[in-house]
PDB file of N, CA and C in Angstrom:
ATOM      1  N   MET A   1      31.086-155.704  22.329  1.00  0.00           N
ATOM      2  CA  MET A   1      30.531-155.668  20.981  1.00  0.00           C
ATOM      3  C   MET A   1      31.521-156.310  20.015  1.00  0.00           C
ATOM      4  N   GLY A   2      30.995-156.875  18.952  1.00  0.00           N
ATOM      5  CA  GLY A   2      31.839-157.505  17.960  1.00  0.00           C
ATOM      6  C   GLY A   2      31.160-157.545  16.607  1.00  0.00           C
ATOM      7  N   LEU A   3      31.919-158.011  15.639  1.00  0.00           N
ATOM      8  CA  LEU A   3      31.394-158.125  14.283  1.00  0.00           C
ATOM      9  C   LEU A   3      31.047-159.563  13.973  1.00  0.00           C
ATOM     10  N   ASN A   4      29.924-159.767  13.369  1.00  0.00           N
ATOM     11  CA  ASN A   4      29.537-161.045  12.802  1.00  0.00           C
ATOM     12  C   ASN A   4      29.110-160.778  11.377  1.00  0.00           C
ATOM     13  N   GLY A   5      28.792-161.805  10.672  1.00  0.00           N
ATOM     14  CA  GLY A   5      28.338-161.666   9.304  1.00  0.00           C
ATOM     15  C   GLY A   5      27.419-162.807   8.959  1.00  0.00           C
ATOM     16  N   LEU A   6      27.447-163.187   7.713  1.00  0.00           N
ATOM     17  CA  LEU A   6      26.647-164.312   7.238  1.00  0.00           C
ATOM     18  C   LEU A   6      27.289-165.600   7.742  1.00  0.00           C
ATOM     19  N   TYR A   7      26.546-166.396   8.507  1.00  0.00           N
ATOM     20  CA  TYR A   7      27.096-167.621   9.085  1.00  0.00           C
ATOM     21  C   TYR A   7      27.369-168.643   7.985  1.00  0.00           C
ATOM     22  N   ILE A   8      28.615-169.110   7.926  1.00  0.00           N
ATOM     23  CA  ILE A   8      29.022-170.084   6.908  1.00  0.00           C
ATOM     24  C   ILE A   8      29.770-171.255   7.533  1.00  0.00           C
ATOM     25  N   GLY A   9      29.630-171.464   8.832  1.00  0.00           N
ATOM     26  CA  GLY A   9      30.344-172.539   9.527  1.00  0.00           C
ATOM     27  C   GLY A   9      30.160-173.877   8.835  1.00  0.00           C
ATOM     28  N   GLY A  10      31.268-174.563   8.582  1.00  0.00           N
ATOM     29  CA  GLY A  10      31.222-175.886   7.975  1.00  0.00           C
ATOM     30  C   GLY A  10      31.094-175.893   6.464  1.00  0.00           C
ATOM     31  N   ILE A  11      31.048-174.736   5.836  1.00  0.00           N
ATOM     32  CA  ILE A  11      30.919-174.676   4.372  1.00  0.00           C
ATOM     33  C   ILE A  11      32.311-174.469   3.772  1.00  0.00           C
ATOM     34  N   ASP A  12      32.665-175.253   2.758  1.00  0.00           N
ATOM     35  CA  ASP A  12      33.967-175.109   2.114  1.00  0.00           C
ATOM     36  C   ASP A  12      33.946-173.976   1.089  1.00  0.00           C
ATOM     37  N   SER A  13      35.078-173.737   0.443  1.00  0.00           N
ATOM     38  CA  SER A  13      35.194-172.606  -0.486  1.00  0.00           C
ATOM     39  C   SER A  13      34.244-172.735  -1.680  1.00  0.00           C
ATOM     40  N   THR A  14      33.956-173.950  -2.120  1.00  0.00           N
ATOM     41  CA  THR A  14      32.997-174.134  -3.217  1.00  0.00           C
ATOM     42  C   THR A  14      31.595-173.743  -2.757  1.00  0.00           C
ATOM     43  N   GLY A  15      31.236-174.114  -1.535  1.00  0.00           N
ATOM     44  CA  GLY A  15      29.941-173.720  -0.980  1.00  0.00           C
ATOM     45  C   GLY A  15      29.824-172.219  -0.804  1.00  0.00           C
ATOM     46  N   ILE A  16      30.903-171.581  -0.346  1.00  0.00           N
ATOM     47  CA  ILE A  16      30.910-170.124  -0.201  1.00  0.00           C
ATOM     48  C   ILE A  16      30.754-169.480  -1.571  1.00  0.00           C
ATOM     49  N   SER A  17      31.426-170.043  -2.559  1.00  0.00           N
ATOM     50  CA  SER A  17      31.323-169.551  -3.929  1.00  0.00           C
ATOM     51  C   SER A  17      29.868-169.582  -4.400  1.00  0.00           C
ATOM     52  N   LYS A  18      29.180-170.673  -4.124  1.00  0.00           N
ATOM     53  CA  LYS A  18      27.761-170.789  -4.517  1.00  0.00           C
ATOM     54  C   LYS A  18      26.904-169.758  -3.781  1.00  0.00           C
ATOM     55  N   LEU A  19      27.233-169.475  -2.505  1.00  0.00           N
ATOM     56  CA  LEU A  19      26.471-168.490  -1.739  1.00  0.00           C
ATOM     57  C   LEU A  19      26.602-167.071  -2.303  1.00  0.00           C
ATOM     58  N   VAL A  20      27.793-166.728  -2.772  1.00  0.00           N
ATOM     59  CA  VAL A  20      28.012-165.355  -3.247  1.00  0.00           C
ATOM     60  C   VAL A  20      27.766-165.200  -4.743  1.00  0.00           C
ATOM     61  N   GLU A  21      27.571-166.304  -5.451  1.00  0.00           N
ATOM     62  CA  GLU A  21      27.385-166.244  -6.905  1.00  0.00           C
ATOM     63  C   GLU A  21      26.263-165.278  -7.295  1.00  0.00           C
ATOM     64  N   LYS A  22      25.157-165.291  -6.563  1.00  0.00           N
ATOM     65  CA  LYS A  22      24.027-164.400  -6.852  1.00  0.00           C
ATOM     66  C   LYS A  22      24.475-162.941  -6.844  1.00  0.00           C
ATOM     67  N   HIS A  23      25.260-162.567  -5.849  1.00  0.00           N
ATOM     68  CA  HIS A  23      25.718-161.181  -5.729  1.00  0.00           C
ATOM     69  C   HIS A  23      26.697-160.816  -6.845  1.00  0.00           C
ATOM     70  N   VAL A  24      27.563-161.757  -7.201  1.00  0.00           N
ATOM     71  CA  VAL A  24      28.522-161.523  -8.284  1.00  0.00           C
ATOM     72  C   VAL A  24      27.775-161.357  -9.604  1.00  0.00           C
ATOM     73  N   SER A  25      26.780-162.210  -9.863  1.00  0.00           N
ATOM     74  CA  SER A  25      26.041-162.126 -11.134  1.00  0.00           C
ATOM     75  C   SER A  25      25.153-160.879 -11.185  1.00  0.00           C
ATOM     76  N   GLU A  26      24.739-160.357 -10.028  1.00  0.00           N
ATOM     77  CA  GLU A  26      24.006-159.090 -10.014  1.00  0.00           C
ATOM     78  C   GLU A  26      24.932-157.916 -10.326  1.00  0.00           C
ATOM     79  N   TYR A  27      26.179-158.004  -9.881  1.00  0.00           N
ATOM     80  CA  TYR A  27      27.160-156.934 -10.109  1.00  0.00           C
ATOM     81  C   TYR A  27      27.691-156.953 -11.538  1.00  0.00           C
ATOM     82  N   PHE A  28      27.931-158.155 -12.068  1.00  0.00           N
ATOM     83  CA  PHE A  28      28.461-158.317 -13.420  1.00  0.00           C
ATOM     84  C   PHE A  28      27.428-159.027 -14.282  1.00  0.00           C
ATOM     85  N   SER A  29      26.850-158.315 -15.236  1.00  0.00           N
ATOM     86  CA  SER A  29      25.954-159.014 -16.159  1.00  0.00           C
ATOM     87  C   SER A  29      26.826-159.894 -17.060  1.00  0.00           C
ATOM     88  N   GLY A  30      26.291-161.007 -17.459  1.00  0.00           N
ATOM     89  CA  GLY A  30      27.051-161.909 -18.319  1.00  0.00           C
ATOM     90  C   GLY A  30      27.981-162.826 -17.559  1.00  0.00           C
ATOM     91  N   TYR A  31      27.728-163.031 -16.262  1.00  0.00           N
ATOM     92  CA  TYR A  31      28.546-163.951 -15.492  1.00  0.00           C
ATOM     93  C   TYR A  31      27.668-165.049 -14.926  1.00  0.00           C
ATOM     94  N   ARG A  32      28.165-166.279 -15.051  1.00  0.00           N
ATOM     95  CA  ARG A  32      27.484-167.424 -14.445  1.00  0.00           C
ATOM     96  C   ARG A  32      28.538-168.456 -14.115  1.00  0.00           C
ATOM     97  N   LEU A  33      28.425-169.043 -12.943  1.00  0.00           N
ATOM     98  CA  LEU A  33      29.360-170.057 -12.486  1.00  0.00           C
ATOM     99  C   LEU A  33      28.878-171.424 -12.940  1.00  0.00           C
ATOM    100  N   ASP A  34      29.773-172.218 -13.526  1.00  0.00           N
ATOM    101  CA  ASP A  34      29.413-173.582 -13.900  1.00  0.00           C
ATOM    102  C   ASP A  34      29.171-174.408 -12.635  1.00  0.00           C
ATOM    103  N   GLU A  35      28.392-175.458 -12.774  1.00  0.00           N
ATOM    104  CA  GLU A  35      27.941-176.270 -11.635  1.00  0.00           C
ATOM    105  C   GLU A  35      29.061-176.733 -10.708  1.00  0.00           C
ATOM    106  N   GLU A  36      30.148-177.231 -11.248  1.00  0.00           N
ATOM    107  CA  GLU A  36      31.220-177.796 -10.425  1.00  0.00           C
ATOM    108  C   GLU A  36      32.351-176.819 -10.141  1.00  0.00           C
ATOM    109  N   GLN A  37      32.225-175.569 -10.551  1.00  0.00           N
ATOM    110  CA  GLN A  37      33.302-174.603 -10.379  1.00  0.00           C
ATOM    111  C   GLN A  37      33.179-173.841  -9.074  1.00  0.00           C
ATOM    112  N   SER A  38      34.305-173.278  -8.654  1.00  0.00           N
ATOM    113  CA  SER A  38      34.361-172.380  -7.514  1.00  0.00           C
ATOM    114  C   SER A  38      35.037-171.093  -7.963  1.00  0.00           C
ATOM    115  N   ILE A  39      34.552-169.987  -7.489  1.00  0.00           N
ATOM    116  CA  ILE A  39      35.197-168.702  -7.783  1.00  0.00           C
ATOM    117  C   ILE A  39      36.589-168.679  -7.171  1.00  0.00           C
ATOM    118  N   PHE A  40      36.738-169.284  -6.001  1.00  0.00           N
ATOM    119  CA  PHE A  40      37.932-169.093  -5.191  1.00  0.00           C
ATOM    120  C   PHE A  40      38.985-170.170  -5.405  1.00  0.00           C
ATOM    121  N   GLN A  41      40.234-169.708  -5.570  1.00  0.00           N
ATOM    122  CA  GLN A  41      41.361-170.614  -5.741  1.00  0.00           C
ATOM    123  C   GLN A  41      42.429-170.436  -4.674  1.00  0.00           C
ATOM    124  N   GLU A  42      42.395-169.329  -3.908  1.00  0.00           N
ATOM    125  CA  GLU A  42      43.427-169.033  -2.922  1.00  0.00           C
ATOM    126  C   GLU A  42      42.813-168.685  -1.578  1.00  0.00           C
ATOM    127  N   GLY A  43      43.522-169.023  -0.527  1.00  0.00           N
ATOM    128  CA  GLY A  43      43.121-168.638   0.813  1.00  0.00           C
ATOM    129  C   GLY A  43      44.278-167.950   1.522  1.00  0.00           C
ATOM    130  N   ASN A  44      43.967-166.952   2.340  1.00  0.00           N
ATOM    131  CA  ASN A  44      44.991-166.193   3.058  1.00  0.00           C
ATOM    132  C   ASN A  44      44.490-165.816   4.444  1.00  0.00           C
ATOM    133  N   VAL A  45      45.437-165.424   5.298  1.00  0.00           N
ATOM    134  CA  VAL A  45      45.121-164.854   6.606  1.00  0.00           C
ATOM    135  C   VAL A  45      45.726-163.460   6.632  1.00  0.00           C
ATOM    136  N   PHE A  46      44.949-162.486   7.119  1.00  0.00           N
ATOM    137  CA  PHE A  46      45.389-161.091   7.164  1.00  0.00           C
ATOM    138  C   PHE A  46      45.219-160.518   8.561  1.00  0.00           C
ATOM    139  N   TYR A  47      46.164-159.680   8.970  1.00  0.00           N
ATOM    140  CA  TYR A  47      45.967-158.862  10.162  1.00  0.00           C
ATOM    141  C   TYR A  47      45.121-157.654   9.757  1.00  0.00           C
ATOM    142  N   PHE A  48      44.461-157.055  10.747  1.00  0.00           N
ATOM    143  CA  PHE A  48      43.603-155.900  10.497  1.00  0.00           C
ATOM    144  C   PHE A  48      44.329-154.820   9.693  1.00  0.00           C
ATOM    145  N   GLU A  49      45.578-154.552  10.044  1.00  0.00           N
ATOM    146  CA  GLU A  49      46.342-153.492   9.364  1.00  0.00           C
ATOM    147  C   GLU A  49      46.417-153.737   7.853  1.00  0.00           C
ATOM    148  N   GLU A  50      46.452-154.997   7.448  1.00  0.00           N
ATOM    149  CA  GLU A  50      46.579-155.339   6.030  1.00  0.00           C
ATOM    150  C   GLU A  50      45.284-155.122   5.245  1.00  0.00           C
ATOM    151  N   VAL A  51      44.148-155.162   5.931  1.00  0.00           N
ATOM    152  CA  VAL A  51      42.855-155.020   5.243  1.00  0.00           C
ATOM    153  C   VAL A  51      42.078-153.796   5.728  1.00  0.00           C
ATOM    154  N   LYS A  52      42.725-152.979   6.541  1.00  0.00           N
ATOM    155  CA  LYS A  52      42.075-151.822   7.170  1.00  0.00           C
ATOM    156  C   LYS A  52      41.409-150.896   6.159  1.00  0.00           C
ATOM    157  N   GLU A  53      42.069-150.639   5.048  1.00  0.00           N
ATOM    158  CA  GLU A  53      41.493-149.697   4.078  1.00  0.00           C
ATOM    159  C   GLU A  53      40.298-150.275   3.317  1.00  0.00           C
ATOM    160  N   ILE A  54      40.137-151.589   3.339  1.00  0.00           N
ATOM    161  CA  ILE A  54      38.983-152.218   2.693  1.00  0.00           C
ATOM    162  C   ILE A  54      37.753-152.137   3.607  1.00  0.00           C
ATOM    163  N   ILE A  55      37.971-152.337   4.906  1.00  0.00           N
ATOM    164  CA  ILE A  55      36.871-152.384   5.866  1.00  0.00           C
ATOM    165  C   ILE A  55      36.349-150.973   6.137  1.00  0.00           C
ATOM    166  N   PRO A  56      35.037-150.747   5.986  1.00  0.00           N
ATOM    167  CA  PRO A  56      34.485-149.408   6.244  1.00  0.00           C
ATOM    168  C   PRO A  56      34.835-148.920   7.657  1.00  0.00           C
ATOM    169  N   THR A  57      35.142-147.645   7.773  1.00  0.00           N
ATOM    170  CA  THR A  57      35.575-147.072   9.055  1.00  0.00           C
ATOM    171  C   THR A  57      34.524-147.216  10.145  1.00  0.00           C
ATOM    172  N   LYS A  58      33.262-147.334   9.802  1.00  0.00           N
ATOM    173  CA  LYS A  58      32.229-147.491  10.833  1.00  0.00           C
ATOM    174  C   LYS A  58      32.410-148.774  11.638  1.00  0.00           C
ATOM    175  N   TYR A  59      33.196-149.738  11.126  1.00  0.00           N
ATOM    176  CA  TYR A  59      33.443-150.989  11.837  1.00  0.00           C
ATOM    177  C   TYR A  59      34.778-151.009  12.585  1.00  0.00           C
ATOM    178  N   HIS A  60      35.634-150.033  12.346  1.00  0.00           N
ATOM    179  CA  HIS A  60      36.973-150.049  12.931  1.00  0.00           C
ATOM    180  C   HIS A  60      36.954-150.064  14.455  1.00  0.00           C
ATOM    181  N   GLN A  61      35.965-149.452  15.067  1.00  0.00           N
ATOM    182  CA  GLN A  61      35.902-149.408  16.531  1.00  0.00           C
ATOM    183  C   GLN A  61      35.707-150.798  17.156  1.00  0.00           C
ATOM    184  N   PHE A  62      35.279-151.762  16.375  1.00  0.00           N
ATOM    185  CA  PHE A  62      35.034-153.112  16.872  1.00  0.00           C
ATOM    186  C   PHE A  62      36.204-154.057  16.611  1.00  0.00           C
ATOM    187  N   ILE A  63      37.289-153.531  16.049  1.00  0.00           N
ATOM    188  CA  ILE A  63      38.426-154.346  15.641  1.00  0.00           C
ATOM    189  C   ILE A  63      39.694-153.816  16.293  1.00  0.00           C
ATOM    190  N   THR A  64      40.575-154.727  16.715  1.00  0.00           N
ATOM    191  CA  THR A  64      41.880-154.314  17.242  1.00  0.00           C
ATOM    192  C   THR A  64      42.951-154.626  16.202  1.00  0.00           C
ATOM    193  N   ASP A  65      44.118-154.019  16.378  1.00  0.00           N
ATOM    194  CA  ASP A  65      45.224-154.256  15.445  1.00  0.00           C
ATOM    195  C   ASP A  65      45.687-155.707  15.435  1.00  0.00           C
ATOM    196  N   MET A  66      45.373-156.448  16.476  1.00  0.00           N
ATOM    197  CA  MET A  66      45.787-157.849  16.559  1.00  0.00           C
ATOM    198  C   MET A  66      44.762-158.807  15.956  1.00  0.00           C
ATOM    199  N   ASP A  67      43.596-158.307  15.585  1.00  0.00           N
ATOM    200  CA  ASP A  67      42.575-159.160  14.970  1.00  0.00           C
ATOM    201  C   ASP A  67      43.045-159.650  13.607  1.00  0.00           C
ATOM    202  N   LYS A  68      42.682-160.891  13.310  1.00  0.00           N
ATOM    203  CA  LYS A  68      43.022-161.501  12.022  1.00  0.00           C
ATOM    204  C   LYS A  68      41.746-161.798  11.256  1.00  0.00           C
ATOM    205  N   PHE A  69      41.881-161.911   9.960  1.00  0.00           N
ATOM    206  CA  PHE A  69      40.768-162.210   9.068  1.00  0.00           C
ATOM    207  C   PHE A  69      41.202-163.273   8.075  1.00  0.00           C
ATOM    208  N   GLY A  70      40.258-164.085   7.634  1.00  0.00           N
ATOM    209  CA  GLY A  70      40.511-165.041   6.567  1.00  0.00           C
ATOM    210  C   GLY A  70      40.105-164.410   5.244  1.00  0.00           C
ATOM    211  N   GLY A  71      40.727-164.846   4.195  1.00  0.00           N
ATOM    212  CA  GLY A  71      40.375-164.336   2.877  1.00  0.00           C
ATOM    213  C   GLY A  71      40.431-165.436   1.834  1.00  0.00           C
ATOM    214  N   LEU A  72      39.504-165.384   0.894  1.00  0.00           N
ATOM    215  CA  LEU A  72      39.509-166.272  -0.269  1.00  0.00           C
ATOM    216  C   LEU A  72      39.474-165.383  -1.498  1.00  0.00           C
ATOM    217  N   SER A  73      40.177-165.762  -2.536  1.00  0.00           N
ATOM    218  CA  SER A  73      40.144-164.974  -3.762  1.00  0.00           C
ATOM    219  C   SER A  73      40.261-165.873  -4.983  1.00  0.00           C
ATOM    220  N   GLY A  74      39.838-165.318  -6.094  1.00  0.00           N
ATOM    221  CA  GLY A  74      39.915-166.024  -7.361  1.00  0.00           C
ATOM    222  C   GLY A  74      39.568-165.094  -8.500  1.00  0.00           C
ATOM    223  N   CYS A  75      39.753-165.581  -9.681  1.00  0.00           N
ATOM    224  CA  CYS A  75      39.517-164.784 -10.883  1.00  0.00           C
ATOM    225  C   CYS A  75      38.298-165.332 -11.619  1.00  0.00           C
ATOM    226  N   ILE A  76      37.440-164.431 -12.067  1.00  0.00           N
ATOM    227  CA  ILE A  76      36.294-164.838 -12.889  1.00  0.00           C
ATOM    228  C   ILE A  76      36.451-164.242 -14.281  1.00  0.00           C
ATOM    229  N   THR A  77      35.858-164.897 -15.254  1.00  0.00           N
ATOM    230  CA  THR A  77      35.861-164.412 -16.625  1.00  0.00           C
ATOM    231  C   THR A  77      34.417-164.213 -17.065  1.00  0.00           C
ATOM    232  N   LEU A  78      34.125-163.016 -17.564  1.00  0.00           N
ATOM    233  CA  LEU A  78      32.788-162.715 -18.056  1.00  0.00           C
ATOM    234  C   LEU A  78      32.643-163.220 -19.485  1.00  0.00           C
ATOM    235  N   GLU A  79      31.412-163.271 -19.982  1.00  0.00           N
ATOM    236  CA  GLU A  79      31.174-163.695 -21.369  1.00  0.00           C
ATOM    237  C   GLU A  79      31.938-162.832 -22.355  1.00  0.00           C
ATOM    238  N   SER A  80      32.180-161.555 -22.001  1.00  0.00           N
ATOM    239  CA  SER A  80      32.911-160.624 -22.865  1.00  0.00           C
ATOM    240  C   SER A  80      34.405-160.912 -22.899  1.00  0.00           C
ATOM    241  N   GLY A  81      34.875-161.806 -22.010  1.00  0.00           N
ATOM    242  CA  GLY A  81      36.297-162.109 -21.929  1.00  0.00           C
ATOM    243  C   GLY A  81      37.019-161.322 -20.846  1.00  0.00           C
ATOM    244  N   GLU A  82      36.357-160.324 -20.265  1.00  0.00           N
ATOM    245  CA  GLU A  82      36.954-159.548 -19.181  1.00  0.00           C
ATOM    246  C   GLU A  82      37.199-160.439 -17.974  1.00  0.00           C
ATOM    247  N   GLU A  83      38.337-160.225 -17.308  1.00  0.00           N
ATOM    248  CA  GLU A  83      38.644-160.958 -16.085  1.00  0.00           C
ATOM    249  C   GLU A  83      38.611-160.015 -14.892  1.00  0.00           C
ATOM    250  N   HIS A  84      38.118-160.519 -13.757  1.00  0.00           N
ATOM    251  CA  HIS A  84      38.035-159.738 -12.528  1.00  0.00           C
ATOM    252  C   HIS A  84      38.422-160.616 -11.348  1.00  0.00           C
ATOM    253  N   VAL A  85      39.122-160.010 -10.382  1.00  0.00           N
ATOM    254  CA  VAL A  85      39.462-160.709  -9.151  1.00  0.00           C
ATOM    255  C   VAL A  85      38.335-160.487  -8.148  1.00  0.00           C
ATOM    256  N   ILE A  86      37.806-161.595  -7.634  1.00  0.00           N
ATOM    257  CA  ILE A  86      36.738-161.581  -6.638  1.00  0.00           C
ATOM    258  C   ILE A  86      37.328-162.129  -5.340  1.00  0.00           C
ATOM    259  N   SER A  87      36.966-161.515  -4.215  1.00  0.00           N
ATOM    260  CA  SER A  87      37.460-162.005  -2.930  1.00  0.00           C
ATOM    261  C   SER A  87      36.391-161.860  -1.856  1.00  0.00           C
ATOM    262  N   VAL A  88      36.560-162.636  -0.798  1.00  0.00           N
ATOM    263  CA  VAL A  88      35.711-162.505   0.377  1.00  0.00           C
ATOM    264  C   VAL A  88      36.627-162.355   1.586  1.00  0.00           C
ATOM    265  N   LEU A  89      36.137-161.599   2.562  1.00  0.00           N
ATOM    266  CA  LEU A  89      36.831-161.451   3.827  1.00  0.00           C
ATOM    267  C   LEU A  89      35.976-162.125   4.889  1.00  0.00           C
ATOM    268  N   LEU A  90      36.606-162.997   5.667  1.00  0.00           N
ATOM    269  CA  LEU A  90      35.924-163.796   6.686  1.00  0.00           C
ATOM    270  C   LEU A  90      36.479-163.434   8.056  1.00  0.00           C
ATOM    271  N   CYS A  91      35.715-163.754   9.104  1.00  0.00           N
ATOM    272  CA  CYS A  91      36.272-163.632  10.450  1.00  0.00           C
ATOM    273  C   CYS A  91      37.418-164.635  10.557  1.00  0.00           C
ATOM    274  N   GLU A  92      38.249-164.469  11.574  1.00  0.00           N
ATOM    275  CA  GLU A  92      39.442-165.318  11.702  1.00  0.00           C
ATOM    276  C   GLU A  92      39.119-166.806  11.754  1.00  0.00           C
ATOM    277  N   CYS A  93      38.056-167.172  12.441  1.00  0.00           N
ATOM    278  CA  CYS A  93      37.741-168.603  12.571  1.00  0.00           C
ATOM    279  C   CYS A  93      37.045-169.156  11.324  1.00  0.00           C
ATOM    280  N   GLY A  94      36.667-168.289  10.386  1.00  0.00           N
ATOM    281  CA  GLY A  94      36.044-168.737   9.147  1.00  0.00           C
ATOM    282  C   GLY A  94      34.568-169.047   9.247  1.00  0.00           C
ATOM    283  N   ALA A  95      33.945-168.722  10.369  1.00  0.00           N
ATOM    284  CA  ALA A  95      32.526-169.043  10.552  1.00  0.00           C
ATOM    285  C   ALA A  95      31.585-167.978   9.990  1.00  0.00           C
ATOM    286  N   TYR A  96      32.113-166.767   9.753  1.00  0.00           N
ATOM    287  CA  TYR A  96      31.260-165.679   9.271  1.00  0.00           C
ATOM    288  C   TYR A  96      31.873-164.993   8.055  1.00  0.00           C
ATOM    289  N   LEU A  97      31.064-164.831   7.035  1.00  0.00           N
ATOM    290  CA  LEU A  97      31.443-164.097   5.840  1.00  0.00           C
ATOM    291  C   LEU A  97      31.123-162.628   6.092  1.00  0.00           C
ATOM    292  N   LEU A  98      32.126-161.760   5.949  1.00  0.00           N
ATOM    293  CA  LEU A  98      31.947-160.344   6.252  1.00  0.00           C
ATOM    294  C   LEU A  98      31.715-159.495   5.001  1.00  0.00           C
ATOM    295  N   PHE A  99      32.580-159.642   3.998  1.00  0.00           N
ATOM    296  CA  PHE A  99      32.493-158.798   2.806  1.00  0.00           C
ATOM    297  C   PHE A  99      32.771-159.596   1.537  1.00  0.00           C
ATOM    298  N   LEU A 100      32.075-159.244   0.479  1.00  0.00           N
ATOM    299  CA  LEU A 100      32.337-159.741  -0.864  1.00  0.00           C
ATOM    300  C   LEU A 100      32.913-158.570  -1.641  1.00  0.00           C
ATOM    301  N   CYS A 101      34.067-158.764  -2.257  1.00  0.00           N
ATOM    302  CA  CYS A 101      34.790-157.658  -2.892  1.00  0.00           C
ATOM    303  C   CYS A 101      35.178-157.990  -4.331  1.00  0.00           C
ATOM    304  N   VAL A 102      35.467-156.935  -5.077  1.00  0.00           N
ATOM    305  CA  VAL A 102      35.998-157.056  -6.426  1.00  0.00           C
ATOM    306  C   VAL A 102      37.132-156.039  -6.574  1.00  0.00           C
ATOM    307  N   GLN A 103      38.148-156.399  -7.348  1.00  0.00           N
ATOM    308  CA  GLN A 103      39.209-155.448  -7.652  1.00  0.00           C
ATOM    309  C   GLN A 103      38.887-154.804  -8.985  1.00  0.00           C
ATOM    310  N   GLU A 104      38.881-153.472  -8.968  1.00  0.00           N
ATOM    311  CA  GLU A 104      38.612-152.708 -10.186  1.00  0.00           C
ATOM    312  C   GLU A 104      39.538-151.506 -10.237  1.00  0.00           C
ATOM    313  N   PRO A 105      39.885-151.062 -11.427  1.00  0.00           N
ATOM    314  CA  PRO A 105      40.729-149.872 -11.526  1.00  0.00           C
ATOM    315  C   PRO A 105      39.923-148.605 -11.231  1.00  0.00           C
ATOM    316  N   ASN A 106      40.591-147.629 -10.594  1.00  0.00           N
ATOM    317  CA  ASN A 106      39.945-146.327 -10.401  1.00  0.00           C
ATOM    318  C   ASN A 106      40.121-145.493 -11.664  1.00  0.00           C
ATOM    319  N   GLU A 107      39.805-144.216 -11.585  1.00  0.00           N
ATOM    320  CA  GLU A 107      39.884-143.328 -12.768  1.00  0.00           C
ATOM    321  C   GLU A 107      41.293-143.253 -13.350  1.00  0.00           C
ATOM    322  N   ASP A 108      42.315-143.459 -12.504  1.00  0.00           N
ATOM    323  CA  ASP A 108      43.708-143.395 -12.934  1.00  0.00           C
ATOM    324  C   ASP A 108      44.261-144.754 -13.362  1.00  0.00           C
ATOM    325  N   GLY A 109      43.398-145.774 -13.360  1.00  0.00           N
ATOM    326  CA  GLY A 109      43.828-147.102 -13.758  1.00  0.00           C
ATOM    327  C   GLY A 109      44.496-147.898 -12.647  1.00  0.00           C
ATOM    328  N   ILE A 110      44.479-147.387 -11.421  1.00  0.00           N
ATOM    329  CA  ILE A 110      45.092-148.078 -10.286  1.00  0.00           C
ATOM    330  C   ILE A 110      44.063-149.028  -9.671  1.00  0.00           C
ATOM    331  N   GLU A 111      44.469-150.300  -9.490  1.00  0.00           N
ATOM    332  CA  GLU A 111      43.571-151.303  -8.914  1.00  0.00           C
ATOM    333  C   GLU A 111      43.204-150.940  -7.484  1.00  0.00           C
ATOM    334  N   ARG A 112      41.934-151.113  -7.158  1.00  0.00           N
ATOM    335  CA  ARG A 112      41.452-150.893  -5.795  1.00  0.00           C
ATOM    336  C   ARG A 112      40.422-151.968  -5.488  1.00  0.00           C
ATOM    337  N   THR A 113      40.212-152.223  -4.221  1.00  0.00           N
ATOM    338  CA  THR A 113      39.247-153.232  -3.811  1.00  0.00           C
ATOM    339  C   THR A 113      37.957-152.537  -3.401  1.00  0.00           C
ATOM    340  N   ILE A 114      36.847-152.987  -3.968  1.00  0.00           N
ATOM    341  CA  ILE A 114      35.528-152.410  -3.711  1.00  0.00           C
ATOM    342  C   ILE A 114      34.639-153.483  -3.093  1.00  0.00           C
ATOM    343  N   ILE A 115      33.925-153.120  -2.041  1.00  0.00           N
ATOM    344  CA  ILE A 115      32.963-154.043  -1.438  1.00  0.00           C
ATOM    345  C   ILE A 115      31.694-154.021  -2.276  1.00  0.00           C
ATOM    346  N   ILE A 116      31.283-155.192  -2.765  1.00  0.00           N
ATOM    347  CA  ILE A 116      30.022-155.246  -3.522  1.00  0.00           C
ATOM    348  C   ILE A 116      28.891-155.830  -2.684  1.00  0.00           C
ATOM    349  N   GLU A 117      29.232-156.433  -1.536  1.00  0.00           N
ATOM    350  CA  GLU A 117      28.196-156.880  -0.600  1.00  0.00           C
ATOM    351  C   GLU A 117      28.780-156.885   0.814  1.00  0.00           C
ATOM    352  N   ASP A 118      28.085-156.220   1.719  1.00  0.00           N
ATOM    353  CA  ASP A 118      28.475-156.105   3.122  1.00  0.00           C
ATOM    354  C   ASP A 118      27.530-156.996   3.928  1.00  0.00           C
ATOM    355  N   PHE A 119      28.069-158.056   4.514  1.00  0.00           N
ATOM    356  CA  PHE A 119      27.265-159.005   5.285  1.00  0.00           C
ATOM    357  C   PHE A 119      27.376-158.777   6.797  1.00  0.00           C
ATOM    358  N   VAL A 120      28.079-157.732   7.222  1.00  0.00           N
ATOM    359  CA  VAL A 120      28.404-157.519   8.625  1.00  0.00           C
ATOM    360  C   VAL A 120      27.188-157.158   9.456  1.00  0.00           C
ATOM    361  N   THR A 121      27.132-157.751  10.645  1.00  0.00           N
ATOM    362  CA  THR A 121      26.201-157.353  11.682  1.00  0.00           C
ATOM    363  C   THR A 121      27.028-157.088  12.939  1.00  0.00           C
ATOM    364  N   VAL A 122      26.630-156.079  13.696  1.00  0.00           N
ATOM    365  CA  VAL A 122      27.315-155.750  14.942  1.00  0.00           C
ATOM    366  C   VAL A 122      26.540-156.392  16.074  1.00  0.00           C
ATOM    367  N   THR A 123      27.256-157.131  16.931  1.00  0.00           N
ATOM    368  CA  THR A 123      26.607-157.805  18.045  1.00  0.00           C
ATOM    369  C   THR A 123      26.961-157.148  19.363  1.00  0.00           C
ATOM    370  N   ALA A 124      26.065-157.243  20.310  1.00  0.00           N
ATOM    371  CA  ALA A 124      26.292-156.634  21.626  1.00  0.00           C
ATOM    372  C   ALA A 124      27.098-157.550  22.512  1.00  0.00           C
TER     373      ALA A 124
END
């Protein structure tokens, strides 16, 4: 068994940005991406241990400590002037989009990462 998500093979970060824009604009009213813009400005690689607390525990059984994930992140600005960090977590090879996330402060003002769209499918 393994994890898959939304197939994005061959799509660059601008294309991924366009794919998730709908979900971002549903989460944040007053947000719209300009035609030539991309949400994402940075790319990273993470081991499971580094992103373990973001990934729902129901998926942990399908992941080993040696598994790696790709990540893209960037900052968006709402019409109100508020800025938010948006990120996506991808499978290691970059062919599947797993999660769309936003960083938001909790009740104590501490930044945390929240999944706003879960694209994961479990395969046999």
